[in-house]
Amino acid sequence: MDIQVIIILLIFFLPLIFATISRKKRKDLENELKKSKKEFEVELQASQTDLTTLMTLNTELEEKYSPIINMELHTQQLLDDAHEDVNAMKQESERLIAIAEGELDRLQVNTKDLNSQARQKVQDSKTKATEIEGTARSEAERILEFAKKQAEEIAGDAYEAKQKADSYETAIRAMRNTIEGYKDEYIIPNHSVLDDLADEYTHKEAGATLKATRATVRSMVKEGHAGACDYVENLRKTYAVHFAVDAFNGKVDSALAKVKHDNYGKIEQEIIDAFALVNHNGQPFRNARINQEYLDIRLTELKWAVATFELRKIEKEEQAEIKAQIREEEKVIREIEKARIAAEKEERLIQKALQKVRKELAQASDEQKEQYEAQLAELEGKLQEAEEKGQRALSMAQQTRRGHVYVISNIGSFGEDVFKVGMTRRLEPLDRVKELSDASVPFSFDVHAMIYSDDAPTLEKALHKQFQDVAVNKTNSRKEFFRTSIASIKNTVESQGLNEIHWTMKAEATEYRESLSIEKANEIKIVA
């Protein structure tokens, strides 16, 4: 019974509360407009003799009476406030509805009439919440329209002239972009839309938000909130609004279908231009237009479409990197196992040779003993080396973070002062450099440093972080090329406490320099 009383009180008092809030806001707005009008009339009378043309008046109004000319901004804030009030009321209604539905499920009332009454009350609450939202939207639109009319009365022709000038300016820019294309001035990095998201945010979560946003888009179209028109006759008004909304949606859907890794800013401008052109072309049809609220929700849809695309791309790249690491690890394991078996085989052969030499030494004459002892010392040295190889291979297999961080360059392929800083766990790290030299680059890499570390991944990560501002590819941190000097890299490595490293400061770039020499010789022959 308490729940029913709360719902009835809510249904009864919500319209009164909202009406009181709306009257207060309307009264505050009217007082502000009266005050602005009085100030404007005083200033206009003082400067009337200096205002000779409409453009001069428009300029003066923009400079001194921007609160009046820009009244739409102020009223838009009122509209946003009204929407917030509606959302708060709607959430409270939904909360109470949820409580009522939960109570209904808990009680499991067997009486059919009582069950029906409870369901009807829940449905009435939902209907009332929808009515409140509609009333709020209508009231906000009415306040906005009232503010526009007040501004027109105060500013006169200047306000209308400014509106037309703004409309023509945006329409002309949209037409120019349509004809000339969207150039680099509209480039906004796609990954910028991820800046406000948590690091662990996934493309599935972004996709769910995108789906919810698209549901809101469809709801606004269905409920008639996407566009507006000044026709009085409902049939004409409906056709004009549908025409504008269909035209706008066609352009937006076409733009959204082109989302890829580097065109967020261009598509955003394309949607804004579609809004300007549709509204401009709709003026002859009693100002058939797209509402700003609908433009905003479609721009939000673009944001989540780009976020979903970017997160999916990042996750694919991460999976590809994991697979590459697995392949590299398998190769390292095979290499280590091969080295261990070879070391054990070498040990067995040396042990066998040692046994033979010891046996012969025991039977040798005094003249032969010196020769056999020299052979014995040499074999014992080789045995120690073989044992060390086996131990190193076993240690590398057990210590998965041991490896080498390499610093290499390729002047012929990437130019001066571009270095790759990578990591390998190969027993022979130069094998990895050779693989990179064979991977679709015209010249071989030069090695500037090969740094052994017990924790190579951590060292590599620290160097990447230090040079992230000079990364050649700033949108993909998995690319390991940096535009800096070898001296800067050397200083950074030494700051990690690694001082006993051999550095080659100047790249030989033998293949590249020989190619330049041959090219120059050929040019001389042609001239001769």
Protein backbone atom coordinates (compact mmCIF):
# COMPACT_ATOMS: atom_id res chain seq x y z
CA MET A 1 0.00 0.00 0.00
CA ASP A 2 2.92 2.39 0.76
CA ILE A 3 4.30 1.90 -2.71
CA GLN A 4 0.95 2.75 -4.29
CA VAL A 5 0.69 5.93 -2.20
CA ILE A 6 4.18 7.02 -3.31
CA ILE A 7 3.33 6.42 -6.96
CA ILE A 8 0.02 8.35 -6.67
CA LEU A 9 1.77 11.28 -4.92
CA LEU A 10 4.47 11.26 -7.57
CA ILE A 11 1.92 11.34 -10.40
CA PHE A 12 0.01 14.17 -8.69
CA PHE A 13 2.91 16.44 -7.70
CA LEU A 14 5.40 16.03 -10.57
CA PRO A 15 3.44 18.25 -13.04
CA LEU A 16 3.05 20.94 -10.31
CA ILE A 17 6.76 20.84 -9.49
CA PHE A 18 7.75 21.02 -13.13
CA ALA A 19 5.28 23.84 -13.83
CA THR A 20 6.70 25.82 -10.87
CA ILE A 21 10.27 25.33 -12.16
CA SER A 22 9.23 26.36 -15.69
CA ARG A 23 7.41 29.51 -14.45
CA LYS A 24 10.41 30.54 -12.39
CA LYS A 25 12.80 30.07 -15.32
CA ARG A 26 10.40 31.93 -17.65
CA LYS A 27 10.09 34.81 -15.18
CA ASP A 28 13.88 35.02 -14.76
CA LEU A 29 14.29 35.02 -18.53
CA GLU A 30 11.67 37.78 -19.00
CA ASN A 31 13.35 39.95 -16.34
CA GLU A 32 16.71 39.46 -17.99
CA LEU A 33 15.28 40.34 -21.39
CA LYS A 34 13.61 43.49 -20.03
CA LYS A 35 16.84 44.59 -18.41
CA SER A 36 18.81 43.90 -21.61
CA LYS A 37 16.19 45.72 -23.68
CA LYS A 38 16.38 48.83 -21.46
CA GLU A 39 20.19 48.90 -21.66
CA PHE A 40 20.07 48.37 -25.40
CA GLU A 41 17.61 51.22 -26.00
CA VAL A 42 19.79 53.65 -24.01
CA GLU A 43 22.95 52.68 -25.88
CA LEU A 44 21.21 52.63 -29.27
CA GLN A 45 19.85 56.16 -28.80
CA ALA A 46 23.34 57.46 -27.87
CA SER A 47 25.00 55.93 -30.97
CA GLN A 48 22.16 56.32 -33.50
CA THR A 49 23.89 59.11 -35.44
CA ASP A 50 26.99 56.91 -35.99
CA LEU A 51 25.13 53.89 -37.31
CA THR A 52 24.68 54.58 -41.05
CA THR A 53 24.21 51.07 -42.44
CA LEU A 54 22.75 47.78 -41.37
CA MET A 55 26.18 46.13 -41.36
CA THR A 56 27.52 48.82 -39.02
CA LEU A 57 24.57 48.20 -36.74
CA ASN A 58 25.21 44.45 -36.91
CA THR A 59 28.89 44.92 -36.01
CA GLU A 60 28.03 47.21 -33.09
CA LEU A 61 25.46 44.74 -31.81
CA GLU A 62 27.93 41.87 -32.01
CA GLU A 63 30.52 43.86 -30.04
CA LYS A 64 28.31 45.47 -27.38
CA TYR A 65 25.11 43.44 -27.23
CA SER A 66 26.28 39.90 -27.71
CA PRO A 67 24.03 38.75 -24.81
CA ILE A 68 21.05 39.77 -26.98
CA ILE A 69 22.29 38.62 -30.38
CA ASN A 70 23.50 35.37 -28.95
CA MET A 71 20.27 34.80 -27.07
CA GLU A 72 20.03 31.39 -28.66
CA LEU A 73 23.06 30.28 -26.66
CA HIS A 74 21.41 31.38 -23.46
CA THR A 75 18.12 29.75 -24.26
CA GLN A 76 19.92 26.62 -25.39
CA GLN A 77 21.34 26.46 -21.86
CA LEU A 78 17.80 26.70 -20.55
CA LEU A 79 16.84 23.89 -22.88
CA ASP A 80 19.71 21.77 -21.57
CA ASP A 81 18.66 22.52 -17.99
CA ALA A 82 15.10 21.49 -18.83
CA HIS A 83 16.38 18.25 -20.33
CA GLU A 84 18.38 17.56 -17.18
CA ASP A 85 15.28 18.15 -15.07
CA VAL A 86 13.30 15.78 -17.27
CA ASN A 87 15.99 13.12 -17.14
CA ALA A 88 16.13 13.36 -13.36
CA MET A 89 12.35 13.04 -13.13
CA LYS A 90 12.38 10.21 -15.63
CA GLN A 91 15.03 8.35 -13.66
CA GLU A 92 13.04 8.79 -10.47
CA SER A 93 9.93 7.53 -12.24
CA GLU A 94 11.82 4.54 -13.59
CA ARG A 95 13.17 3.84 -10.10
CA LEU A 96 9.71 3.89 -8.62
CA ILE A 97 8.40 1.77 -11.48
CA ALA A 98 11.16 -0.76 -10.87
CA ILE A 99 10.29 -0.82 -7.16
CA ALA A 100 6.63 -1.31 -8.01
CA GLU A 101 7.41 -4.11 -10.47
CA GLY A 102 9.73 -5.78 -7.95
CA GLU A 103 7.10 -5.53 -5.27
CA LEU A 104 4.57 -6.99 -7.67
CA ASP A 105 6.82 -9.96 -8.45
CA ARG A 106 7.60 -10.51 -4.78
CA LEU A 107 4.05 -10.53 -3.59
CA GLN A 108 2.81 -12.86 -6.32
CA VAL A 109 -0.75 -11.86 -5.55
CA ASN A 110 -3.18 -14.59 -6.48
CA THR A 111 -6.19 -12.35 -6.71
CA LYS A 112 -6.74 -11.56 -10.39
CA ASP A 113 -8.36 -8.14 -9.84
CA LEU A 114 -5.63 -6.92 -7.49
CA ASN A 115 -2.95 -8.16 -9.88
CA SER A 116 -4.58 -6.30 -12.75
CA GLN A 117 -4.83 -3.09 -10.71
CA ALA A 118 -1.16 -3.26 -9.78
CA ARG A 119 -0.11 -3.75 -13.40
CA GLN A 120 -2.34 -0.87 -14.46
CA LYS A 121 -0.72 1.42 -11.89
CA VAL A 122 2.72 0.49 -13.20
CA GLN A 123 1.60 1.16 -16.77
CA ASP A 124 0.06 4.47 -15.70
CA SER A 125 3.36 5.46 -14.08
CA LYS A 126 5.25 4.68 -17.29
CA THR A 127 2.73 6.66 -19.32
CA LYS A 128 2.96 9.58 -16.90
CA ALA A 129 6.76 9.59 -17.12
CA THR A 130 6.52 9.72 -20.91
CA GLU A 131 4.01 12.57 -20.69
CA ILE A 132 6.32 14.48 -18.34
CA GLU A 133 9.20 14.10 -20.78
CA GLY A 134 7.03 15.28 -23.67
CA THR A 135 5.74 18.22 -21.67
CA ALA A 136 9.26 19.21 -20.71
CA ARG A 137 10.42 19.07 -24.31
CA SER A 138 7.45 21.17 -25.45
CA GLU A 139 7.98 23.69 -22.65
CA ALA A 140 11.68 23.98 -23.44
CA GLU A 141 10.93 24.52 -27.14
CA ARG A 142 8.35 27.14 -26.21
CA ILE A 143 10.85 28.95 -23.98
CA LEU A 144 13.41 28.87 -26.79
CA GLU A 145 10.92 30.27 -29.27
CA PHE A 146 9.87 32.97 -26.82
CA ALA A 147 13.50 33.99 -26.30
CA LYS A 148 14.05 34.19 -30.06
CA LYS A 149 11.05 36.44 -30.50
CA GLN A 150 12.18 38.68 -27.66
CA ALA A 151 15.63 38.93 -29.18
CA GLU A 152 14.12 39.81 -32.58
CA GLU A 153 11.99 42.51 -31.02
CA ILE A 154 14.98 44.00 -29.21
CA ALA A 155 17.59 43.73 -31.96
CA GLY A 156 15.23 44.21 -34.87
CA ASP A 157 16.61 43.66 -38.36
CA ALA A 158 20.15 43.19 -37.09
CA TYR A 159 19.26 39.92 -35.36
CA GLU A 160 17.59 38.53 -38.48
CA ALA A 161 20.49 39.74 -40.63
CA LYS A 162 23.00 37.99 -38.41
CA GLN A 163 21.04 34.75 -38.50
CA LYS A 164 20.88 34.86 -42.27
CA ALA A 165 24.57 35.73 -42.54
CA ASP A 166 25.50 32.79 -40.31
CA SER A 167 23.25 30.47 -42.31
CA TYR A 168 24.73 31.57 -45.64
CA GLU A 169 28.27 31.31 -44.30
CA THR A 170 27.86 27.72 -43.09
CA ALA A 171 26.00 26.74 -46.29
CA ILE A 172 28.75 28.24 -48.49
CA ARG A 173 31.45 26.43 -46.51
CA ALA A 174 29.51 23.17 -46.80
CA MET A 175 29.12 23.62 -50.59
CA ARG A 176 32.82 24.40 -50.96
CA ASN A 177 33.77 21.30 -48.98
CA THR A 178 31.40 19.18 -51.07
CA ILE A 179 32.96 20.45 -54.31
CA GLU A 180 36.63 20.66 -53.30
CA GLY A 181 36.67 17.76 -50.84
CA TYR A 182 37.65 17.63 -47.18
CA LYS A 183 41.31 18.55 -46.94
CA ASP A 184 43.89 18.12 -44.22
CA GLU A 185 42.53 21.07 -42.21
CA TYR A 186 39.78 18.74 -40.95
CA ILE A 187 42.12 15.96 -39.81
CA ILE A 188 41.51 14.88 -36.22
CA PRO A 189 43.31 11.71 -35.06
CA ASN A 190 40.83 8.88 -34.58
CA HIS A 191 42.52 7.75 -31.37
CA SER A 192 41.66 11.13 -29.79
CA VAL A 193 38.13 9.84 -29.17
CA LEU A 194 39.65 7.23 -26.82
CA ASP A 195 41.29 9.82 -24.56
CA ASP A 196 38.36 9.93 -22.13
CA LEU A 197 37.93 6.14 -21.98
CA ALA A 198 39.49 3.83 -19.44
CA ASP A 199 42.51 1.81 -20.56
CA GLU A 200 40.61 -1.46 -20.16
CA TYR A 201 37.63 -0.28 -22.25
CA THR A 202 36.92 -2.84 -25.01
CA HIS A 203 35.42 -2.56 -28.47
CA LYS A 204 32.49 -4.71 -27.27
CA GLU A 205 31.59 -2.10 -24.61
CA ALA A 206 31.94 0.69 -27.17
CA GLY A 207 29.76 -1.33 -29.56
CA ALA A 208 27.05 -1.65 -26.90
CA THR A 209 27.09 2.13 -26.36
CA LEU A 210 26.96 2.65 -30.14
CA LYS A 211 23.92 0.34 -30.32
CA ALA A 212 22.15 2.30 -27.55
CA THR A 213 22.94 5.61 -29.29
CA ARG A 214 21.48 4.32 -32.56
CA ALA A 215 18.35 3.27 -30.69
CA THR A 216 18.03 6.86 -29.43
CA VAL A 217 18.43 8.11 -33.03
CA ARG A 218 15.59 5.87 -34.21
CA SER A 219 13.42 6.90 -31.25
CA MET A 220 13.87 10.62 -31.99
CA VAL A 221 12.87 10.09 -35.62
CA LYS A 222 9.87 7.98 -34.66
CA GLU A 223 8.64 10.47 -32.05
CA GLY A 224 9.11 13.46 -34.36
CA HIS A 225 11.96 15.14 -32.44
CA ALA A 226 14.54 14.95 -35.24
CA GLY A 227 13.25 17.92 -37.23
CA ALA A 228 10.79 20.81 -37.23
CA CYS A 229 8.87 23.07 -39.63
CA ASP A 230 6.75 26.26 -39.48
CA TYR A 231 3.83 24.92 -41.52
CA VAL A 232 0.56 25.11 -39.59
CA GLU A 233 -1.18 22.36 -41.54
CA ASN A 234 -0.14 19.02 -40.06
CA LEU A 235 0.04 17.11 -43.35
CA ARG A 236 2.35 19.64 -45.01
CA LYS A 237 4.40 19.93 -41.83
CA THR A 238 4.83 16.15 -41.61
CA TYR A 239 5.90 15.82 -45.26
CA ALA A 240 8.36 18.72 -45.01
CA VAL A 241 9.95 17.39 -41.81
CA HIS A 242 10.18 13.86 -43.23
CA PHE A 243 11.81 15.24 -46.38
CA ALA A 244 14.44 17.13 -44.37
CA VAL A 245 15.14 14.26 -41.96
CA ASP A 246 15.40 11.69 -44.77
CA ALA A 247 17.81 13.91 -46.69
CA PHE A 248 19.96 14.49 -43.62
CA ASN A 249 19.97 10.83 -42.57
CA GLY A 250 20.95 9.76 -46.08
CA LYS A 251 24.02 12.01 -45.99
CA VAL A 252 24.94 11.02 -42.43
CA ASP A 253 24.53 7.26 -43.04
CA SER A 254 26.70 7.56 -46.14
CA ALA A 255 29.37 9.40 -44.14
CA LEU A 256 29.29 6.92 -41.24
CA ALA A 257 29.77 4.04 -43.67
CA LYS A 258 33.19 5.48 -44.57
CA VAL A 259 34.66 5.37 -41.05
CA LYS A 260 38.27 4.18 -41.15
CA HIS A 261 41.50 4.74 -39.22
CA ASP A 262 42.24 8.34 -40.23
CA ASN A 263 39.07 10.26 -41.14
CA TYR A 264 37.21 11.10 -37.93
CA GLY A 265 37.58 14.89 -38.36
CA LYS A 266 36.55 14.81 -42.02
CA ILE A 267 33.41 12.77 -41.37
CA GLU A 268 32.50 15.01 -38.43
CA GLN A 269 32.70 18.06 -40.70
CA GLU A 270 30.76 16.22 -43.42
CA ILE A 271 27.88 15.64 -40.96
CA ILE A 272 27.97 19.28 -39.82
CA ASP A 273 27.91 20.40 -43.47
CA ALA A 274 24.94 18.11 -44.19
CA PHE A 275 23.11 19.79 -41.30
CA ALA A 276 23.87 23.25 -42.75
CA LEU A 277 22.86 22.36 -46.33
CA VAL A 278 19.63 20.57 -45.40
CA ASN A 279 18.54 23.47 -43.17
CA HIS A 280 19.50 26.00 -45.85
CA ASN A 281 17.59 24.13 -48.57
CA GLY A 282 14.61 23.69 -46.26
CA GLN A 283 14.02 27.44 -45.82
CA PRO A 284 11.59 27.75 -48.79
CA PHE A 285 9.44 25.05 -47.20
CA ARG A 286 8.52 27.14 -44.18
CA ASN A 287 11.94 26.62 -42.65
CA ALA A 288 11.92 22.82 -42.66
CA ARG A 289 14.98 21.96 -40.59
CA ILE A 290 16.95 19.46 -38.53
CA ASN A 291 16.97 20.12 -34.79
CA GLN A 292 20.31 20.81 -33.11
CA GLU A 293 19.57 18.04 -30.61
CA TYR A 294 19.34 15.52 -33.45
CA LEU A 295 22.63 16.73 -34.97
CA ASP A 296 24.28 16.27 -31.57
CA ILE A 297 23.06 12.69 -31.16
CA ARG A 298 24.29 11.79 -34.66
CA LEU A 299 27.71 13.29 -33.87
CA THR A 300 27.70 11.20 -30.70
CA GLU A 301 26.92 8.18 -32.87
CA LEU A 302 29.97 9.03 -35.02
CA LYS A 303 32.15 9.25 -31.92
CA TRP A 304 31.15 5.77 -30.74
CA ALA A 305 31.43 4.33 -34.25
CA VAL A 306 35.02 5.60 -34.41
CA ALA A 307 35.75 4.40 -30.85
CA THR A 308 34.44 0.92 -31.72
CA PHE A 309 36.53 0.87 -34.91
CA GLU A 310 39.70 2.04 -33.15
CA LEU A 311 39.34 -0.35 -30.20
CA ARG A 312 38.69 -3.29 -32.53
CA LYS A 313 41.80 -2.33 -34.57
CA ILE A 314 43.91 -2.03 -31.41
CA GLU A 315 42.73 -5.42 -30.15
CA LYS A 316 43.50 -7.02 -33.54
CA GLU A 317 46.99 -5.50 -33.50
CA GLU A 318 47.52 -6.72 -29.94
CA GLN A 319 46.43 -10.23 -30.93
CA ALA A 320 48.74 -10.14 -33.94
CA GLU A 321 51.59 -9.00 -31.68
CA ILE A 322 50.86 -11.79 -29.20
CA LYS A 323 50.93 -14.35 -32.02
CA ALA A 324 54.21 -12.89 -33.30
CA GLN A 325 55.66 -13.09 -29.78
CA ILE A 326 54.55 -16.72 -29.53
CA ARG A 327 56.21 -17.53 -32.85
CA GLU A 328 59.38 -15.72 -31.75
CA GLU A 329 59.33 -17.55 -28.40
CA GLU A 330 58.93 -20.90 -30.14
CA LYS A 331 61.86 -20.04 -32.39
CA VAL A 332 63.95 -19.05 -29.34
CA ILE A 333 63.06 -22.30 -27.58
CA ARG A 334 64.06 -24.35 -30.64
CA GLU A 335 67.30 -22.40 -30.92
CA ILE A 336 68.13 -22.86 -27.23
CA GLU A 337 67.31 -26.55 -27.37
CA LYS A 338 69.48 -26.95 -30.46
CA ALA A 339 72.37 -25.13 -28.73
CA ARG A 340 71.98 -27.30 -25.61
CA ILE A 341 72.05 -30.55 -27.61
CA ALA A 342 75.07 -29.33 -29.59
CA ALA A 343 76.87 -28.38 -26.36
CA GLU A 344 76.14 -31.80 -24.82
CA LYS A 345 77.38 -33.55 -27.98
CA GLU A 346 80.54 -31.45 -27.96
CA GLU A 347 81.10 -32.29 -24.28
CA ARG A 348 80.79 -36.02 -24.99
CA LEU A 349 83.28 -35.84 -27.85
CA ILE A 350 85.78 -33.86 -25.77
CA GLN A 351 85.34 -36.23 -22.80
CA LYS A 352 86.05 -39.15 -25.11
CA ALA A 353 89.14 -37.40 -26.50
CA LEU A 354 90.31 -36.58 -22.98
CA GLN A 355 90.04 -40.21 -21.93
CA LYS A 356 92.11 -41.23 -24.95
CA VAL A 357 94.77 -38.58 -24.29
CA ARG A 358 94.98 -39.49 -20.57
CA LYS A 359 95.40 -43.16 -21.47
CA GLU A 360 98.12 -42.35 -23.99
CA LEU A 361 99.77 -39.98 -21.50
CA ALA A 362 100.03 -42.74 -18.93
CA GLN A 363 101.86 -44.95 -21.44
CA ALA A 364 103.98 -42.22 -23.05
CA SER A 365 107.71 -41.77 -22.72
CA ASP A 366 109.26 -38.75 -21.10
CA GLU A 367 109.76 -37.12 -24.51
CA GLN A 368 106.05 -37.64 -25.49
CA LYS A 369 104.55 -36.53 -22.15
CA GLU A 370 105.01 -32.81 -22.85
CA GLN A 371 103.07 -33.14 -26.15
CA TYR A 372 100.23 -35.10 -24.55
CA GLU A 373 100.01 -32.68 -21.61
CA ALA A 374 99.60 -29.75 -24.06
CA GLN A 375 96.81 -31.66 -25.86
CA LEU A 376 95.23 -32.44 -22.49
CA ALA A 377 95.25 -28.75 -21.46
CA GLU A 378 93.74 -27.70 -24.79
CA LEU A 379 90.95 -30.28 -24.54
CA GLU A 380 90.17 -29.29 -20.93
CA GLY A 381 89.81 -25.67 -22.10
CA LYS A 382 87.45 -26.72 -24.88
CA LEU A 383 85.46 -28.83 -22.41
CA GLN A 384 85.04 -25.82 -20.13
CA GLU A 385 83.81 -23.72 -23.08
CA ALA A 386 81.32 -26.42 -24.08
CA GLU A 387 80.02 -26.68 -20.51
CA GLU A 388 79.59 -22.88 -20.36
CA LYS A 389 77.62 -22.95 -23.64
CA GLY A 390 75.34 -25.62 -22.26
CA GLN A 391 74.84 -23.72 -19.01
CA ARG A 392 74.10 -20.49 -20.90
CA ALA A 393 71.54 -22.23 -23.10
CA LEU A 394 69.91 -23.81 -20.02
CA SER A 395 69.91 -20.46 -18.21
CA MET A 396 68.32 -18.68 -21.20
CA ALA A 397 65.59 -21.30 -21.30
CA GLN A 398 64.88 -20.91 -17.57
CA GLN A 399 65.14 -17.09 -17.39
CA THR A 400 62.45 -15.96 -19.83
CA ARG A 401 63.22 -12.23 -19.39
CA ARG A 402 66.90 -12.41 -20.29
CA GLY A 403 67.77 -11.06 -23.70
CA HIS A 404 69.28 -8.23 -25.74
CA VAL A 405 67.95 -4.75 -26.50
CA TYR A 406 69.29 -3.60 -29.86
CA VAL A 407 69.68 -0.12 -31.33
CA ILE A 408 69.85 -0.18 -35.15
CA SER A 409 69.41 2.23 -38.06
CA ASN A 410 68.82 2.09 -41.82
CA ILE A 411 69.77 5.40 -43.43
CA GLY A 412 68.97 4.24 -46.95
CA SER A 413 65.45 3.16 -45.99
CA PHE A 414 64.42 5.70 -43.32
CA GLY A 415 66.91 8.57 -43.49
CA GLU A 416 69.28 10.12 -40.96
CA ASP A 417 68.56 10.14 -37.21
CA VAL A 418 65.88 7.44 -37.30
CA PHE A 419 66.58 4.47 -35.02
CA LYS A 420 64.77 1.25 -34.17
CA VAL A 421 64.94 0.13 -30.55
CA GLY A 422 63.82 -3.48 -30.15
CA MET A 423 64.34 -6.61 -28.06
CA THR A 424 65.25 -10.23 -28.82
CA ARG A 425 65.87 -13.32 -26.69
CA ARG A 426 67.84 -15.14 -29.37
CA LEU A 427 71.12 -16.73 -28.32
CA GLU A 428 72.56 -15.03 -31.39
CA PRO A 429 70.82 -11.62 -31.37
CA LEU A 430 72.34 -10.62 -34.72
CA ASP A 431 70.15 -13.28 -36.33
CA ARG A 432 67.14 -11.09 -35.47
CA VAL A 433 68.79 -8.03 -37.09
CA LYS A 434 69.45 -10.09 -40.21
CA GLU A 435 65.77 -11.09 -40.34
CA LEU A 436 64.76 -7.43 -40.14
CA SER A 437 67.20 -6.57 -42.95
CA ASP A 438 65.56 -9.22 -45.14
CA ALA A 439 62.02 -7.98 -44.37
CA SER A 440 61.07 -5.78 -47.35
CA VAL A 441 63.65 -3.01 -46.85
CA PRO A 442 66.09 -2.11 -49.64
CA PHE A 443 69.21 -1.97 -47.42
CA SER A 444 70.60 -3.81 -44.40
CA PHE A 445 70.39 -2.41 -40.88
CA ASP A 446 73.47 -1.10 -39.08
CA VAL A 447 73.92 -2.10 -35.43
CA HIS A 448 74.81 0.73 -33.04
CA ALA A 449 74.51 -1.23 -29.78
CA MET A 450 73.55 -4.70 -28.55
CA ILE A 451 72.68 -4.44 -24.84
CA TYR A 452 72.41 -7.62 -22.75
CA SER A 453 69.96 -7.44 -19.84
CA ASP A 454 68.53 -9.85 -17.27
CA ASP A 455 65.20 -8.04 -17.78
CA ALA A 456 65.24 -7.04 -21.45
CA PRO A 457 61.46 -6.33 -21.78
CA THR A 458 61.58 -3.79 -18.93
CA LEU A 459 64.64 -2.05 -20.39
CA GLU A 460 63.02 -1.90 -23.83
CA LYS A 461 59.81 -0.47 -22.36
CA ALA A 462 61.74 2.19 -20.41
CA LEU A 463 63.55 3.34 -23.56
CA HIS A 464 60.32 3.43 -25.58
CA LYS A 465 58.65 5.55 -22.89
CA GLN A 466 61.62 7.94 -22.79
CA PHE A 467 61.44 8.54 -26.56
CA GLN A 468 57.66 8.35 -27.10
CA ASP A 469 57.49 12.07 -27.98
CA VAL A 470 59.85 11.53 -30.95
CA ALA A 471 58.23 8.30 -32.18
CA VAL A 472 57.93 8.26 -35.97
CA ASN A 473 54.47 6.67 -35.75
CA LYS A 474 52.61 8.43 -32.94
CA THR A 475 49.36 6.49 -33.41
CA ASN A 476 50.81 2.98 -32.99
CA SER A 477 53.12 2.46 -30.02
CA ARG A 478 54.06 -1.00 -31.31
CA LYS A 479 56.15 0.59 -34.07
CA GLU A 480 59.63 0.97 -32.61
CA PHE A 481 61.18 3.73 -34.75
CA PHE A 482 62.25 7.02 -33.16
CA ARG A 483 63.53 10.26 -34.67
CA THR A 484 66.42 11.27 -32.40
CA SER A 485 70.22 11.15 -32.20
CA ILE A 486 72.39 8.17 -31.31
CA ALA A 487 74.02 10.33 -28.62
CA SER A 488 70.62 10.87 -26.97
CA ILE A 489 69.91 7.12 -26.95
CA LYS A 490 73.39 6.41 -25.54
CA ASN A 491 72.89 8.93 -22.72
CA THR A 492 69.50 7.46 -21.86
CA VAL A 493 70.88 3.91 -21.74
CA GLU A 494 73.76 5.02 -19.51
CA SER A 495 71.27 6.73 -17.20
CA GLN A 496 69.86 3.21 -16.58
CA GLY A 497 73.24 2.25 -15.09
CA LEU A 498 74.44 0.41 -18.21
CA ASN A 499 77.87 1.87 -18.91
CA GLU A 500 79.92 -1.05 -20.20
CA ILE A 501 78.27 -1.12 -23.63
CA HIS A 502 80.10 -0.95 -26.95
CA TRP A 503 78.59 1.77 -29.15
CA THR A 504 79.04 2.41 -32.86
CA MET A 505 78.17 6.08 -33.19
CA LYS A 506 78.37 6.37 -36.99
CA ALA A 507 76.45 4.04 -39.28
CA GLU A 508 78.45 2.50 -42.09
CA ALA A 509 75.42 2.12 -44.37
CA THR A 510 77.74 0.33 -46.80
CA GLU A 511 75.11 -0.83 -49.30
CA TYR A 512 73.43 2.58 -49.36
CA ARG A 513 76.66 4.55 -49.82
CA GLU A 514 77.93 2.17 -52.51
CA SER A 515 74.57 2.50 -54.31
CA LEU A 516 74.92 6.31 -54.24
CA SER A 517 78.46 6.02 -55.61
CA ILE A 518 77.33 3.78 -58.48
CA GLU A 519 74.41 6.11 -59.22
CA LYS A 520 76.74 9.13 -59.30
CA ALA A 521 79.20 7.30 -61.61
CA ASN A 522 76.36 6.44 -63.99
CA GLU A 523 75.28 10.08 -64.08
CA ILE A 524 78.83 11.14 -64.97
CA LYS A 525 78.92 8.60 -67.80
CA ILE A 526 75.61 9.87 -69.18
CA VAL A 527 76.84 13.48 -69.11
CA ALA A 528 80.12 12.46 -70.81
